[in-house]
C-alpha atoms as a PDB file:
ATOM      1  CA  PRO A   1     141.555  61.936 -62.338  1.00  0.00           C
ATOM      2  CA  GLU A   2     138.161  60.601 -61.220  1.00  0.00           C
ATOM      3  CA  LEU A   3     139.812  58.008 -58.988  1.00  0.00           C
ATOM      4  CA  LYS A   4     142.122  60.574 -57.408  1.00  0.00           C
ATOM      5  CA  ALA A   5     139.076  62.713 -56.614  1.00  0.00           C
ATOM      6  CA  SER A   6     137.513  59.864 -54.632  1.00  0.00           C
ATOM      7  CA  ASP A   7     137.143  60.226 -50.880  1.00  0.00           C
ATOM      8  CA  LEU A   8     137.312  56.470 -50.394  1.00  0.00           C
ATOM      9  CA  VAL A   9     137.472  53.196 -52.322  1.00  0.00           C
ATOM     10  CA  PHE A  10     135.277  50.463 -50.849  1.00  0.00           C
ATOM     11  CA  LEU A  11     136.980  47.211 -51.812  1.00  0.00           C
ATOM     12  CA  ALA A  12     134.670  44.280 -52.471  1.00  0.00           C
ATOM     13  CA  LEU A  13     137.021  42.288 -54.692  1.00  0.00           C
ATOM     14  CA  HIS A  14     137.607  38.648 -53.810  1.00  0.00           C
ATOM     15  CA  GLY A  15     140.718  36.666 -54.643  1.00  0.00           C
ATOM     16  CA  GLY A  16     143.206  37.347 -57.429  1.00  0.00           C
ATOM     17  CA  ASP A  17     144.826  40.763 -57.766  1.00  0.00           C
ATOM     18  CA  GLY A  18     142.024  42.362 -55.759  1.00  0.00           C
ATOM     19  CA  GLU A  19     142.886  40.575 -52.542  1.00  0.00           C
ATOM     20  CA  SER A  20     146.606  39.950 -53.012  1.00  0.00           C
ATOM     21  CA  GLY A  21     147.774  43.461 -52.104  1.00  0.00           C
ATOM     22  CA  GLN A  22     148.302  44.806 -55.627  1.00  0.00           C
ATOM     23  CA  VAL A  23     145.191  46.984 -55.720  1.00  0.00           C
ATOM     24  CA  GLN A  24     145.914  48.082 -52.159  1.00  0.00           C
ATOM     25  CA  ALA A  25     149.474  49.102 -53.093  1.00  0.00           C
ATOM     26  CA  PHE A  26     148.169  51.084 -56.078  1.00  0.00           C
ATOM     27  CA  LEU A  27     145.733  52.965 -53.848  1.00  0.00           C
ATOM     28  CA  GLU A  28     148.523  53.614 -51.334  1.00  0.00           C
ATOM     29  CA  ILE A  29     150.613  55.224 -54.087  1.00  0.00           C
ATOM     30  CA  LEU A  30     147.667  57.435 -55.033  1.00  0.00           C
ATOM     31  CA  GLY A  31     147.041  58.340 -51.393  1.00  0.00           C
ATOM     32  CA  ILE A  32     143.391  57.234 -51.510  1.00  0.00           C
ATOM     33  CA  PRO A  33     141.828  55.692 -48.388  1.00  0.00           C
ATOM     34  CA  TYR A  34     140.353  52.206 -48.867  1.00  0.00           C
ATOM     35  CA  THR A  35     138.640  49.563 -46.808  1.00  0.00           C
ATOM     36  CA  GLY A  36     140.313  46.420 -45.556  1.00  0.00           C
ATOM     37  CA  SER A  37     143.897  45.353 -44.972  1.00  0.00           C
ATOM     38  CA  GLY A  38     146.971  46.975 -46.468  1.00  0.00           C
ATOM     39  CA  PRO A  39     149.371  45.548 -49.058  1.00  0.00           C
ATOM     40  CA  LEU A  40     151.449  43.579 -46.529  1.00  0.00           C
ATOM     41  CA  GLY A  41     148.569  41.879 -44.734  1.00  0.00           C
ATOM     42  CA  SER A  42     146.725  41.245 -47.986  1.00  0.00           C
ATOM     43  CA  GLY A  43     149.707  39.606 -49.658  1.00  0.00           C
ATOM     44  CA  LEU A  44     150.615  37.613 -46.567  1.00  0.00           C
ATOM     45  CA  CYS A  45     147.132  36.139 -46.170  1.00  0.00           C
ATOM     46  CA  MET A  46     146.762  35.362 -49.876  1.00  0.00           C
ATOM     47  CA  ASP A  47     149.839  33.133 -49.643  1.00  0.00           C
ATOM     48  CA  LYS A  48     148.632  30.305 -47.398  1.00  0.00           C
ATOM     49  CA  HIS A  49     152.155  28.922 -46.911  1.00  0.00           C
ATOM     50  CA  LEU A  50     153.588  32.241 -45.702  1.00  0.00           C
ATOM     51  CA  SER A  51     150.660  32.963 -43.405  1.00  0.00           C
ATOM     52  CA  LYS A  52     150.884  29.481 -41.856  1.00  0.00           C
ATOM     53  CA  MET A  53     154.618  29.986 -41.332  1.00  0.00           C
ATOM     54  CA  VAL A  54     153.834  33.170 -39.373  1.00  0.00           C
ATOM     55  CA  LEU A  55     151.182  31.368 -37.327  1.00  0.00           C
ATOM     56  CA  ALA A  56     153.561  28.501 -36.550  1.00  0.00           C
ATOM     57  CA  HIS A  57     156.318  30.957 -35.585  1.00  0.00           C
ATOM     58  CA  HIS A  58     153.978  32.528 -33.034  1.00  0.00           C
ATOM     59  CA  GLY A  59     152.906  29.135 -31.690  1.00  0.00           C
ATOM     60  CA  LEU A  60     149.363  29.519 -33.011  1.00  0.00           C
ATOM     61  CA  PRO A  61     147.519  26.329 -33.979  1.00  0.00           C
ATOM     62  CA  THR A  62     147.378  25.529 -37.693  1.00  0.00           C
ATOM     63  CA  PRO A  63     147.324  22.045 -39.262  1.00  0.00           C
ATOM     64  CA  GLU A  64     150.636  20.550 -40.405  1.00  0.00           C
ATOM     65  CA  TRP A  65     151.367  21.021 -44.091  1.00  0.00           C
ATOM     66  CA  ILE A  66     153.864  20.585 -46.887  1.00  0.00           C
ATOM     67  CA  MET A  67     154.363  22.587 -50.083  1.00  0.00           C
ATOM     68  CA  LEU A  68     154.824  21.381 -53.655  1.00  0.00           C
ATOM     69  CA  ARG A  69     156.458  23.733 -56.170  1.00  0.00           C
ATOM     70  CA  ASN A  70     156.406  21.185 -58.975  1.00  0.00           C
ATOM     71  CA  HIS A  71     155.045  17.708 -59.637  1.00  0.00           C
ATOM     72  CA  GLN A  72     157.522  15.877 -57.415  1.00  0.00           C
ATOM     73  CA  SER A  73     156.745  12.612 -55.630  1.00  0.00           C
ATOM     74  CA  VAL A  74     155.053  13.104 -52.271  1.00  0.00           C
ATOM     75  CA  GLN A  75     156.249  11.836 -48.899  1.00  0.00           C
ATOM     76  CA  LEU A  76     153.720  12.958 -46.303  1.00  0.00           C
ATOM     77  CA  PRO A  77     154.893  13.488 -42.713  1.00  0.00           C
ATOM     78  CA  PHE A  78     151.299  13.040 -41.480  1.00  0.00           C
ATOM     79  CA  ASP A  79     148.479  10.573 -42.030  1.00  0.00           C
ATOM     80  CA  TYR A  80     145.506  10.644 -44.373  1.00  0.00           C
ATOM     81  CA  PRO A  81     142.997  12.178 -44.882  1.00  0.00           C
ATOM     82  CA  VAL A  82     144.594  15.316 -46.261  1.00  0.00           C
ATOM     83  CA  VAL A  83     143.480  18.503 -47.971  1.00  0.00           C
ATOM     84  CA  VAL A  84     145.093  19.333 -51.312  1.00  0.00           C
ATOM     85  CA  LYS A  85     144.657  22.927 -52.487  1.00  0.00           C
ATOM     86  CA  PRO A  86     146.264  25.700 -54.521  1.00  0.00           C
ATOM     87  CA  ASN A  87     148.467  27.856 -52.319  1.00  0.00           C
ATOM     88  CA  ASP A  88     147.182  31.268 -53.380  1.00  0.00           C
ATOM     89  CA  LEU A  89     143.535  30.921 -54.394  1.00  0.00           C
ATOM     90  CA  GLY A  90     140.326  31.384 -52.436  1.00  0.00           C
ATOM     91  CA  SER A  91     136.757  30.089 -52.671  1.00  0.00           C
ATOM     92  CA  THR A  92     137.997  26.455 -52.384  1.00  0.00           C
ATOM     93  CA  ILE A  93     138.794  26.461 -56.121  1.00  0.00           C
ATOM     94  CA  GLY A  94     140.928  23.404 -56.936  1.00  0.00           C
ATOM     95  CA  LEU A  95     140.539  21.977 -53.417  1.00  0.00           C
ATOM     96  CA  SER A  96     140.183  18.230 -52.721  1.00  0.00           C
ATOM     97  CA  ILE A  97     139.931  16.128 -49.590  1.00  0.00           C
ATOM     98  CA  VAL A  98     141.896  12.907 -50.123  1.00  0.00           C
ATOM     99  CA  GLU A  99     141.332   9.866 -47.915  1.00  0.00           C
ATOM    100  CA  LEU A 100     143.501   7.289 -49.684  1.00  0.00           C
ATOM    101  CA  GLU A 101     147.040   7.509 -51.042  1.00  0.00           C
ATOM    102  CA  PRO A 102     146.171   6.461 -54.646  1.00  0.00           C
ATOM    103  CA  ASP A 103     143.888   9.484 -54.928  1.00  0.00           C
ATOM    104  CA  VAL A 104     146.464  12.098 -53.960  1.00  0.00           C
ATOM    105  CA  GLU A 105     148.196  12.393 -57.348  1.00  0.00           C
ATOM    106  CA  PRO A 106     144.981  13.278 -59.277  1.00  0.00           C
ATOM    107  CA  ALA A 107     144.162  15.833 -56.567  1.00  0.00           C
ATOM    108  CA  ILE A 108     147.618  17.386 -56.925  1.00  0.00           C
ATOM    109  CA  GLU A 109     147.241  17.530 -60.719  1.00  0.00           C
ATOM    110  CA  ASN A 110     143.882  19.256 -60.289  1.00  0.00           C
ATOM    111  CA  ALA A 111     145.311  21.838 -57.883  1.00  0.00           C
ATOM    112  CA  PHE A 112     148.265  22.577 -60.198  1.00  0.00           C
ATOM    113  CA  GLN A 113     145.791  23.501 -62.930  1.00  0.00           C
ATOM    114  CA  HIS A 114     144.891  26.536 -60.830  1.00  0.00           C
ATOM    115  CA  ALA A 115     148.213  27.613 -59.285  1.00  0.00           C
ATOM    116  CA  ASP A 116     152.002  27.292 -59.488  1.00  0.00           C
ATOM    117  CA  SER A 117     152.321  25.925 -55.965  1.00  0.00           C
ATOM    118  CA  VAL A 118     150.172  23.433 -54.079  1.00  0.00           C
ATOM    119  CA  MET A 119     149.660  22.833 -50.368  1.00  0.00           C
ATOM    120  CA  ILE A 120     148.929  19.466 -48.782  1.00  0.00           C
ATOM    121  CA  GLU A 121     147.536  19.920 -45.290  1.00  0.00           C
ATOM    122  CA  ARG A 122     146.460  17.486 -42.592  1.00  0.00           C
ATOM    123  CA  PHE A 123     142.664  17.281 -42.609  1.00  0.00           C
ATOM    124  CA  ILE A 124     141.057  18.178 -39.288  1.00  0.00           C
ATOM    125  CA  SER A 125     137.917  16.178 -38.671  1.00  0.00           C
ATOM    126  CA  GLY A 126     135.347  18.220 -36.807  1.00  0.00           C
ATOM    127  CA  ARG A 127     133.273  21.389 -37.093  1.00  0.00           C
ATOM    128  CA  GLU A 128     133.682  24.338 -39.442  1.00  0.00           C
ATOM    129  CA  LEU A 129     133.791  27.689 -37.617  1.00  0.00           C
ATOM    130  CA  THR A 130     134.575  31.198 -38.744  1.00  0.00           C
ATOM    131  CA  VAL A 131     135.190  34.399 -36.793  1.00  0.00           C
ATOM    132  CA  THR A 132     134.738  37.890 -38.175  1.00  0.00           C
ATOM    133  CA  ILE A 133     137.015  40.590 -36.809  1.00  0.00           C
ATOM    134  CA  LEU A 134     135.725  44.152 -36.982  1.00  0.00           C
ATOM    135  CA  ASP A 135     137.857  46.990 -35.601  1.00  0.00           C
ATOM    136  CA  ASN A 136     140.178  44.421 -33.936  1.00  0.00           C
ATOM    137  CA  ARG A 137     137.304  42.784 -32.019  1.00  0.00           C
ATOM    138  CA  ALA A 138     135.764  39.381 -32.673  1.00  0.00           C
ATOM    139  CA  LEU A 139     132.073  39.181 -33.559  1.00  0.00           C
ATOM    140  CA  PRO A 140     129.925  36.141 -32.658  1.00  0.00           C
ATOM    141  CA  ILE A 141     131.222  32.858 -34.074  1.00  0.00           C
ATOM    142  CA  VAL A 142     129.461  31.324 -37.075  1.00  0.00           C
ATOM    143  CA  GLU A 143     129.279  27.558 -37.502  1.00  0.00           C
ATOM    144  CA  ILE A 144     128.929  26.319 -41.080  1.00  0.00           C
ATOM    145  CA  ARG A 145     127.209  23.028 -41.859  1.00  0.00           C
ATOM    146  CA  PRO A 146     127.596  22.468 -45.610  1.00  0.00           C
ATOM    147  CA  LYS A 147     125.407  19.993 -47.517  1.00  0.00           C
ATOM    148  CA  HIS A 148     128.487  18.463 -49.221  1.00  0.00           C
ATOM    149  CA  GLY A 149     130.446  17.720 -46.077  1.00  0.00           C
ATOM    150  CA  ILE A 150     133.024  20.356 -47.072  1.00  0.00           C
ATOM    151  CA  TYR A 151     132.385  24.055 -47.516  1.00  0.00           C
ATOM    152  CA  ASP A 152     133.120  24.057 -51.251  1.00  0.00           C
ATOM    153  CA  TYR A 153     132.423  26.635 -53.974  1.00  0.00           C
ATOM    154  CA  GLU A 154     128.825  25.536 -54.512  1.00  0.00           C
ATOM    155  CA  CYS A 155     128.039  25.514 -50.799  1.00  0.00           C
ATOM    156  CA  LYS A 156     129.603  28.965 -50.379  1.00  0.00           C
ATOM    157  CA  TYR A 157     127.753  30.726 -53.183  1.00  0.00           C
ATOM    158  CA  THR A 158     124.458  28.832 -53.604  1.00  0.00           C
ATOM    159  CA  SER A 159     121.605  29.753 -51.310  1.00  0.00           C
ATOM    160  CA  GLY A 160     120.345  26.794 -49.303  1.00  0.00           C
ATOM    161  CA  MET A 161     123.497  24.680 -49.744  1.00  0.00           C
ATOM    162  CA  SER A 162     124.786  25.414 -46.246  1.00  0.00           C
ATOM    163  CA  GLU A 163     123.233  25.829 -42.824  1.00  0.00           C
ATOM    164  CA  TYR A 164     124.640  28.626 -40.649  1.00  0.00           C
ATOM    165  CA  ILE A 165     124.374  28.753 -36.863  1.00  0.00           C
ATOM    166  CA  CYS A 166     125.234  32.080 -35.284  1.00  0.00           C
ATOM    167  CA  PRO A 167     126.124  32.370 -32.519  1.00  0.00           C
ATOM    168  CA  ALA A 168     127.676  28.922 -32.848  1.00  0.00           C
ATOM    169  CA  GLU A 169     126.656  26.344 -30.259  1.00  0.00           C
ATOM    170  CA  VAL A 170     129.972  26.406 -28.433  1.00  0.00           C
ATOM    171  CA  PRO A 171     130.435  26.590 -24.630  1.00  0.00           C
ATOM    172  CA  PRO A 172     131.064  30.136 -23.345  1.00  0.00           C
ATOM    173  CA  ASP A 173     134.643  29.484 -22.195  1.00  0.00           C
ATOM    174  CA  LEU A 174     135.574  27.924 -25.534  1.00  0.00           C
ATOM    175  CA  THR A 175     133.810  30.724 -27.406  1.00  0.00           C
ATOM    176  CA  GLY A 176     135.950  33.268 -25.596  1.00  0.00           C
ATOM    177  CA  GLU A 177     139.101  31.247 -26.273  1.00  0.00           C
ATOM    178  CA  ILE A 178     138.372  31.040 -30.021  1.00  0.00           C
ATOM    179  CA  GLN A 179     137.462  34.730 -30.270  1.00  0.00           C
ATOM    180  CA  SER A 180     140.649  35.726 -28.427  1.00  0.00           C
ATOM    181  CA  LEU A 181     142.680  33.438 -30.695  1.00  0.00           C
ATOM    182  CA  ALA A 182     141.069  35.032 -33.765  1.00  0.00           C
ATOM    183  CA  GLU A 183     141.948  38.530 -32.536  1.00  0.00           C
ATOM    184  CA  THR A 184     145.566  37.447 -32.034  1.00  0.00           C
ATOM    185  CA  ILE A 185     145.735  35.895 -35.497  1.00  0.00           C
ATOM    186  CA  PHE A 186     144.267  39.046 -37.033  1.00  0.00           C
ATOM    187  CA  SER A 187     147.035  41.057 -35.395  1.00  0.00           C
ATOM    188  CA  VAL A 188     149.994  38.818 -36.283  1.00  0.00           C
ATOM    189  CA  LEU A 189     148.822  38.481 -39.914  1.00  0.00           C
ATOM    190  CA  LYS A 190     148.702  42.288 -40.214  1.00  0.00           C
ATOM    191  CA  GLY A 191     144.938  42.577 -40.576  1.00  0.00           C
ATOM    192  CA  ARG A 192     143.314  46.004 -40.707  1.00  0.00           C
ATOM    193  CA  HIS A 193     139.704  47.192 -40.273  1.00  0.00           C
ATOM    194  CA  TYR A 194     138.044  43.806 -40.746  1.00  0.00           C
ATOM    195  CA  GLY A 195     138.656  40.233 -41.825  1.00  0.00           C
ATOM    196  CA  ARG A 196     137.421  36.686 -41.345  1.00  0.00           C
ATOM    197  CA  ILE A 197     139.377  33.803 -39.868  1.00  0.00           C
ATOM    198  CA  ASP A 198     138.415  30.219 -40.663  1.00  0.00           C
ATOM    199  CA  PHE A 199     138.843  27.427 -38.129  1.00  0.00           C
ATOM    200  CA  ARG A 200     138.265  23.726 -37.747  1.00  0.00           C
ATOM    201  CA  LEU A 201     137.214  22.648 -34.256  1.00  0.00           C
ATOM    202  CA  ASP A 202     138.433  19.083 -33.803  1.00  0.00           C
ATOM    203  CA  GLU A 203     136.688  16.300 -31.912  1.00  0.00           C
ATOM    204  CA  GLU A 204     138.585  17.248 -28.745  1.00  0.00           C
ATOM    205  CA  ASN A 205     137.347  20.865 -29.029  1.00  0.00           C
ATOM    206  CA  ARG A 206     140.727  22.216 -30.122  1.00  0.00           C
ATOM    207  CA  PRO A 207     140.561  25.058 -32.664  1.00  0.00           C
ATOM    208  CA  TRP A 208     142.883  24.999 -35.707  1.00  0.00           C
ATOM    209  CA  CYS A 209     143.302  28.051 -37.908  1.00  0.00           C
ATOM    210  CA  LEU A 210     143.037  27.322 -41.628  1.00  0.00           C
ATOM    211  CA  GLU A 211     143.421  30.819 -43.058  1.00  0.00           C
ATOM    212  CA  MET A 212     142.476  34.472 -42.831  1.00  0.00           C
ATOM    213  CA  ASN A 213     140.429  36.251 -45.485  1.00  0.00           C
ATOM    214  CA  THR A 214     141.278  39.950 -45.800  1.00  0.00           C
ATOM    215  CA  LEU A 215     138.321  40.759 -48.103  1.00  0.00           C
ATOM    216  CA  PRO A 216     135.652  38.272 -47.096  1.00  0.00           C
ATOM    217  CA  GLY A 217     132.462  38.060 -49.125  1.00  0.00           C
ATOM    218  CA  MET A 218     129.628  40.534 -48.615  1.00  0.00           C
ATOM    219  CA  THR A 219     126.842  38.720 -50.511  1.00  0.00           C
ATOM    220  CA  ASP A 220     123.457  37.501 -49.297  1.00  0.00           C
ATOM    221  CA  THR A 221     124.983  34.148 -48.295  1.00  0.00           C
ATOM    222  CA  SER A 222     128.197  35.618 -46.854  1.00  0.00           C
ATOM    223  CA  LEU A 223     129.381  35.070 -43.312  1.00  0.00           C
ATOM    224  CA  VAL A 224     130.476  38.541 -42.216  1.00  0.00           C
ATOM    225  CA  PRO A 225     126.951  40.023 -42.487  1.00  0.00           C
ATOM    226  CA  LYS A 226     125.599  37.009 -40.570  1.00  0.00           C
ATOM    227  CA  ALA A 227     128.075  37.564 -37.734  1.00  0.00           C
ATOM    228  CA  ALA A 228     127.266  41.275 -37.677  1.00  0.00           C
ATOM    229  CA  ALA A 229     123.538  40.527 -37.505  1.00  0.00           C
ATOM    230  CA  ALA A 230     124.160  38.288 -34.473  1.00  0.00           C
ATOM    231  CA  ALA A 231     125.866  41.311 -32.857  1.00  0.00           C
ATOM    232  CA  ASN A 232     122.719  43.396 -33.566  1.00  0.00           C
ATOM    233  CA  MET A 233     124.368  45.225 -36.464  1.00  0.00           C
ATOM    234  CA  ASP A 234     122.409  45.531 -39.700  1.00  0.00           C
ATOM    235  CA  PHE A 235     124.074  45.541 -43.115  1.00  0.00           C
ATOM    236  CA  ASN A 236     124.071  49.336 -43.520  1.00  0.00           C
ATOM    237  CA  THR A 237     125.646  49.810 -40.088  1.00  0.00           C
ATOM    238  CA  LEU A 238     128.271  47.192 -40.935  1.00  0.00           C
ATOM    239  CA  VAL A 239     129.207  48.936 -44.193  1.00  0.00           C
ATOM    240  CA  ASN A 240     129.229  52.370 -42.541  1.00  0.00           C
ATOM    241  CA  THR A 241     131.536  51.031 -39.816  1.00  0.00           C
ATOM    242  CA  MET A 242     133.953  49.751 -42.461  1.00  0.00           C
ATOM    243  CA  VAL A 243     133.876  53.135 -44.184  1.00  0.00           C
ATOM    244  CA  LYS A 244     134.511  55.027 -40.947  1.00  0.00           C
ATOM    245  CA  LEU A 245     137.458  52.779 -40.084  1.00  0.00           C
ATOM    246  CA  ALA A 246     139.006  53.473 -43.473  1.00  0.00           C
ATOM    247  CA  LEU A 247     138.481  57.237 -43.228  1.00  0.00           C
ATOM    248  CA  GLN A 248     140.102  57.344 -39.791  1.00  0.00           C
END
């Protein structure tokens, strides 16, 4: 009864059932407005394989990948290094970067401890960029420079473990190209209200989409508030904008 009396549910869950579309579907059944993407977009983006299939279908750049449903032997159609990661987890849990073939099996075993399916993806050497979408428009790009070389769990959630540059030091034409690409990705992956799209910018300045987060973090070290601040939007204004979008 108390939930049904709510005007709005502000979703700040990350990963698991909170970001997979299940909570969103429950709120849809109850007819309660909520922030963020709906059940379809949430579920699609939580499954990295499905979302990359959609991106590839639309001709949008995403690194080549293969899927493992069980512990079968691996024949890679691309060269090392590769990224090995659970297919439907966030926060880089269970993720490894593998540079040599003998190390791939332990990385696969590690990833299977966290999920039933594992993705092996071509590693893109270059810069780590992320683009926040708010009300279908891209905010300033954030560049992430993690202390570990990869933006892993510790670097994401420990203050001081990553350096953030926003707006990213990217030429204006390329900035516009990446922001436009992010807006397109947000649309084709059924995003709603807001989201965050992660890219690698390779050494030839080509952007590659890694994934879209439908409920990106909103902590002190999180990227969405940093992008909003670069667009002259303080945290309260950002949250109020999300609320207004949901109530519309």
